[in-house]
Amino acid sequence: MIYPADRLTAIDINLRLPAMVRGKKGFERVVWALSNVLNHSVTWLFYDLKAPNDGTGPISAHQPTLRSVEPETVTLRDALVPDFSAALVQDESEDATAMLEWLSLACNLSPRLQNDDSIDLYLCRYRVPHTTSYADALSSTSPKDLVRFHWHGFMPSGFITKVLLAVMKASGDRWFGLSAQSFSGHAYTVLESGGRILTWEYAD
């Protein structure tokens, strides 16, 4: 996989195909494109799905700069968390939509979820799912600290699978939410609590 770092278009080329041999049409098309179209200085992100990506292999001849994608860890203090046991009911689309909205706010570390939020109600009337008012939310939910682990970078889908399996193991009987978005714009969100799971899929 290669990706021009200053653009939002991903280019996926399987260099292991039989046609990717000098003299074959597939290979020559790539050579032509690099010679006649991409013939100016461009910074590329390169990821080999079947190699360790440690700078060795064919890419080593081009003096690559290795980039390690590290997670950003941020805590949202005293957040009002809804009762997931009441919300995770099958065939209740309204509850599912409310949960997705809450998760989106949590992922964006919105102060609207915090116990001490003082936003003017004329500007925002958001309330935690399964509460009738902000006062009800304060009395019926216990503020908790939410921790967000955020990766932003070029990574294969297998990495997301490993993160999902790791968080399922670590969370035990507690809840967790996970969201991921691809270069193509497709995105997924997963909410698990008490052995029940809700999933959402977005498509452009």
Foldseek 3Di string as FASTA:
>chain_A
DKDFPVDLDDDDDDCPDPQNDPPHPVVVVVVCCVVPPVVDDTDMDDDDPPDPQPCDDPNVVVVDDDDDWFWDKDKQFQFQADDVVVLLDPPPVVSVVLVVVVVVCVQVSPCVRHLPDDDDCVVPQDDRPPADHNVRSNVVTGGDMDMDIDTDDDDDVVVVVVVVVVCCVVQPQAKDKDKDADSQGKIKMWIDHRRGIDMDIDHD
